[in-house]
């Protein structure tokens, strides 16, 4: 299931996508697209693709690669998602069954919470 560039796999259907920020650390943030399929949740960085287009020009258009995947988790490997404060807004912290937690902040935050709950993913909050 591990891909470096995004494309749908056989039997996979995209359910939702929105702009989001991948919060690697307090000062290291990537912009891109958060995507939810019937099989996985993934974040694809878009800024690197735009920079490549700007520097390589027409040659980049010839590439058949999709957006670069920064993280992806099969839905059945997500233990929980916790809502935490992030400056003046909120972020989601995904805890996988095994591996490292990732933090992200999607647009349409409440819609994403509802989507995760509909899939049976546990949602917690540290915000009072």
C-alpha atoms as a PDB file:
ATOM      1  CA  UNK A   1       0.000   0.000   0.000  1.00  0.00           C
ATOM      2  CA  UNK A   2       3.002   2.301   0.324  1.00  0.00           C
ATOM      3  CA  UNK A   3       3.128   4.904  -2.460  1.00  0.00           C
ATOM      4  CA  UNK A   4       5.416   7.915  -2.863  1.00  0.00           C
ATOM      5  CA  UNK A   5       3.101   9.773  -5.244  1.00  0.00           C
ATOM      6  CA  UNK A   6      -0.688   9.855  -5.003  1.00  0.00           C
ATOM      7  CA  UNK A   7      -2.913   7.829  -7.243  1.00  0.00           C
ATOM      8  CA  UNK A   8      -5.971   5.756  -6.420  1.00  0.00           C
ATOM      9  CA  UNK A   9      -5.393   2.039  -5.980  1.00  0.00           C
ATOM     10  CA  UNK A  10      -7.685  -0.650  -7.400  1.00  0.00           C
ATOM     11  CA  UNK A  11     -11.026  -0.524  -5.574  1.00  0.00           C
ATOM     12  CA  UNK A  12     -10.173   2.750  -3.864  1.00  0.00           C
ATOM     13  CA  UNK A  13     -12.614   5.680  -3.959  1.00  0.00           C
ATOM     14  CA  UNK A  14     -11.832   9.229  -2.871  1.00  0.00           C
ATOM     15  CA  UNK A  15     -14.407  10.366  -0.280  1.00  0.00           C
ATOM     16  CA  UNK A  16     -13.125  13.819   0.702  1.00  0.00           C
ATOM     17  CA  UNK A  17     -10.289  16.245   0.056  1.00  0.00           C
ATOM     18  CA  UNK A  18      -9.503  19.742   1.298  1.00  0.00           C
ATOM     19  CA  UNK A  19      -6.575  22.072   1.672  1.00  0.00           C
ATOM     20  CA  UNK A  20      -4.665  21.442   4.871  1.00  0.00           C
ATOM     21  CA  UNK A  21      -1.431  22.130   6.693  1.00  0.00           C
ATOM     22  CA  UNK A  22       0.859  19.324   7.815  1.00  0.00           C
ATOM     23  CA  UNK A  23       2.336  20.530  11.119  1.00  0.00           C
ATOM     24  CA  UNK A  24       5.717  18.813  11.330  1.00  0.00           C
ATOM     25  CA  UNK A  25       6.841  21.120  14.168  1.00  0.00           C
ATOM     26  CA  UNK A  26       6.102  24.602  15.495  1.00  0.00           C
ATOM     27  CA  UNK A  27       8.096  26.179  12.659  1.00  0.00           C
ATOM     28  CA  UNK A  28       8.019  23.475   9.972  1.00  0.00           C
ATOM     29  CA  UNK A  29       4.659  23.448   8.171  1.00  0.00           C
ATOM     30  CA  UNK A  30       3.792  22.101   4.713  1.00  0.00           C
ATOM     31  CA  UNK A  31       0.719  23.129   2.749  1.00  0.00           C
ATOM     32  CA  UNK A  32      -1.109  20.618   0.641  1.00  0.00           C
ATOM     33  CA  UNK A  33      -4.199  18.465   0.378  1.00  0.00           C
ATOM     34  CA  UNK A  34      -5.625  16.114   2.987  1.00  0.00           C
ATOM     35  CA  UNK A  35      -7.356  13.209   1.239  1.00  0.00           C
ATOM     36  CA  UNK A  36      -9.672  10.557   2.614  1.00  0.00           C
ATOM     37  CA  UNK A  37     -10.459   7.438   0.633  1.00  0.00           C
ATOM     38  CA  UNK A  38     -12.423   4.325   1.533  1.00  0.00           C
ATOM     39  CA  UNK A  39      -9.055   2.737   2.436  1.00  0.00           C
ATOM     40  CA  UNK A  40      -6.723   5.413   3.813  1.00  0.00           C
ATOM     41  CA  UNK A  41      -6.076   8.959   5.009  1.00  0.00           C
ATOM     42  CA  UNK A  42      -3.176  10.762   3.367  1.00  0.00           C
ATOM     43  CA  UNK A  43      -1.581  14.157   3.028  1.00  0.00           C
ATOM     44  CA  UNK A  44      -0.091  15.250  -0.286  1.00  0.00           C
ATOM     45  CA  UNK A  45       2.256  18.205  -0.366  1.00  0.00           C
ATOM     46  CA  UNK A  46       1.494  20.639  -3.157  1.00  0.00           C
ATOM     47  CA  UNK A  47       4.114  23.338  -2.588  1.00  0.00           C
ATOM     48  CA  UNK A  48       6.984  21.149  -3.776  1.00  0.00           C
ATOM     49  CA  UNK A  49       5.080  20.391  -6.970  1.00  0.00           C
ATOM     50  CA  UNK A  50       4.492  24.096  -7.618  1.00  0.00           C
ATOM     51  CA  UNK A  51       8.161  24.893  -7.033  1.00  0.00           C
ATOM     52  CA  UNK A  52       9.150  22.148  -9.443  1.00  0.00           C
ATOM     53  CA  UNK A  53       6.822  23.611 -12.060  1.00  0.00           C
ATOM     54  CA  UNK A  54       8.310  27.038 -11.528  1.00  0.00           C
ATOM     55  CA  UNK A  55      11.917  25.865 -11.808  1.00  0.00           C
ATOM     56  CA  UNK A  56      11.602  23.149 -14.433  1.00  0.00           C
ATOM     57  CA  UNK A  57       8.739  24.621 -16.450  1.00  0.00           C
ATOM     58  CA  UNK A  58       7.371  22.544 -19.295  1.00  0.00           C
ATOM     59  CA  UNK A  59       9.496  19.512 -18.441  1.00  0.00           C
ATOM     60  CA  UNK A  60       7.592  19.082 -15.166  1.00  0.00           C
ATOM     61  CA  UNK A  61       4.351  18.865 -17.115  1.00  0.00           C
ATOM     62  CA  UNK A  62       5.649  15.737 -18.818  1.00  0.00           C
ATOM     63  CA  UNK A  63       5.943  13.910 -15.488  1.00  0.00           C
ATOM     64  CA  UNK A  64       3.264  11.298 -14.814  1.00  0.00           C
ATOM     65  CA  UNK A  65       3.809  11.357 -11.053  1.00  0.00           C
ATOM     66  CA  UNK A  66       0.980  12.539  -8.814  1.00  0.00           C
ATOM     67  CA  UNK A  67       1.410  14.788  -5.774  1.00  0.00           C
ATOM     68  CA  UNK A  68       4.053  13.641  -3.265  1.00  0.00           C
ATOM     69  CA  UNK A  69       2.644  11.800  -0.253  1.00  0.00           C
ATOM     70  CA  UNK A  70       3.994  13.095   3.068  1.00  0.00           C
ATOM     71  CA  UNK A  71       2.033  10.640   5.215  1.00  0.00           C
ATOM     72  CA  UNK A  72      -0.609   7.978   4.747  1.00  0.00           C
ATOM     73  CA  UNK A  73      -2.419   5.645   7.111  1.00  0.00           C
ATOM     74  CA  UNK A  74      -4.762   2.761   6.333  1.00  0.00           C
ATOM     75  CA  UNK A  75      -8.066   3.543   8.075  1.00  0.00           C
ATOM     76  CA  UNK A  76      -7.895   0.351  10.142  1.00  0.00           C
ATOM     77  CA  UNK A  77      -4.486   1.417  11.520  1.00  0.00           C
ATOM     78  CA  UNK A  78      -5.730   4.720  13.012  1.00  0.00           C
ATOM     79  CA  UNK A  79      -6.192   4.407  16.782  1.00  0.00           C
ATOM     80  CA  UNK A  80      -7.583   7.903  17.440  1.00  0.00           C
ATOM     81  CA  UNK A  81      -7.574  11.571  16.533  1.00  0.00           C
ATOM     82  CA  UNK A  82      -7.212  14.221  19.227  1.00  0.00           C
ATOM     83  CA  UNK A  83      -8.247  17.850  18.771  1.00  0.00           C
ATOM     84  CA  UNK A  84      -5.710  20.233  20.347  1.00  0.00           C
ATOM     85  CA  UNK A  85      -5.195  23.963  20.490  1.00  0.00           C
ATOM     86  CA  UNK A  86      -2.727  25.342  17.953  1.00  0.00           C
ATOM     87  CA  UNK A  87      -2.132  29.045  18.471  1.00  0.00           C
ATOM     88  CA  UNK A  88      -5.498  30.724  17.965  1.00  0.00           C
ATOM     89  CA  UNK A  89      -6.940  27.771  16.039  1.00  0.00           C
ATOM     90  CA  UNK A  90      -7.097  23.974  16.321  1.00  0.00           C
ATOM     91  CA  UNK A  91      -5.187  21.011  14.991  1.00  0.00           C
ATOM     92  CA  UNK A  92      -5.824  17.286  14.713  1.00  0.00           C
ATOM     93  CA  UNK A  93      -3.255  14.851  16.075  1.00  0.00           C
ATOM     94  CA  UNK A  94      -3.570  11.400  14.542  1.00  0.00           C
ATOM     95  CA  UNK A  95      -2.347   8.517  16.678  1.00  0.00           C
ATOM     96  CA  UNK A  96      -1.739   5.363  14.651  1.00  0.00           C
ATOM     97  CA  UNK A  97      -1.874   1.903  16.219  1.00  0.00           C
ATOM     98  CA  UNK A  98       1.893   1.707  15.637  1.00  0.00           C
ATOM     99  CA  UNK A  99       4.286   4.454  14.624  1.00  0.00           C
ATOM    100  CA  UNK A 100       4.657   8.194  15.029  1.00  0.00           C
ATOM    101  CA  UNK A 101       1.810  10.667  15.606  1.00  0.00           C
ATOM    102  CA  UNK A 102       1.181  13.310  12.940  1.00  0.00           C
ATOM    103  CA  UNK A 103      -0.476  16.720  13.298  1.00  0.00           C
ATOM    104  CA  UNK A 104      -2.500  18.503  10.652  1.00  0.00           C
ATOM    105  CA  UNK A 105      -5.014  21.322  10.314  1.00  0.00           C
ATOM    106  CA  UNK A 106      -7.540  20.907   7.492  1.00  0.00           C
ATOM    107  CA  UNK A 107      -9.900  23.542   6.157  1.00  0.00           C
ATOM    108  CA  UNK A 108     -13.555  22.717   6.990  1.00  0.00           C
ATOM    109  CA  UNK A 109     -12.383  21.324  10.333  1.00  0.00           C
ATOM    110  CA  UNK A 110     -15.844  20.353  11.631  1.00  0.00           C
ATOM    111  CA  UNK A 111     -16.681  18.420   8.440  1.00  0.00           C
ATOM    112  CA  UNK A 112     -13.514  16.358   8.865  1.00  0.00           C
ATOM    113  CA  UNK A 113     -14.411  15.589  12.489  1.00  0.00           C
ATOM    114  CA  UNK A 114     -17.836  14.348  11.376  1.00  0.00           C
ATOM    115  CA  UNK A 115     -16.277  12.271   8.577  1.00  0.00           C
ATOM    116  CA  UNK A 116     -13.868  10.576  11.008  1.00  0.00           C
ATOM    117  CA  UNK A 117     -16.691   9.881  13.470  1.00  0.00           C
ATOM    118  CA  UNK A 118     -18.784   8.363  10.657  1.00  0.00           C
ATOM    119  CA  UNK A 119     -15.895   5.993   9.932  1.00  0.00           C
ATOM    120  CA  UNK A 120     -15.782   4.930  13.601  1.00  0.00           C
ATOM    121  CA  UNK A 121     -12.469   6.660  14.337  1.00  0.00           C
ATOM    122  CA  UNK A 122     -12.235   7.766  17.970  1.00  0.00           C
ATOM    123  CA  UNK A 123     -12.216  11.583  18.366  1.00  0.00           C
ATOM    124  CA  UNK A 124     -10.884  13.128  21.595  1.00  0.00           C
ATOM    125  CA  UNK A 125     -10.392  16.764  22.558  1.00  0.00           C
ATOM    126  CA  UNK A 126      -8.052  18.565  24.940  1.00  0.00           C
ATOM    127  CA  UNK A 127      -9.845  21.859  24.340  1.00  0.00           C
ATOM    128  CA  UNK A 128     -12.233  22.807  27.148  1.00  0.00           C
END
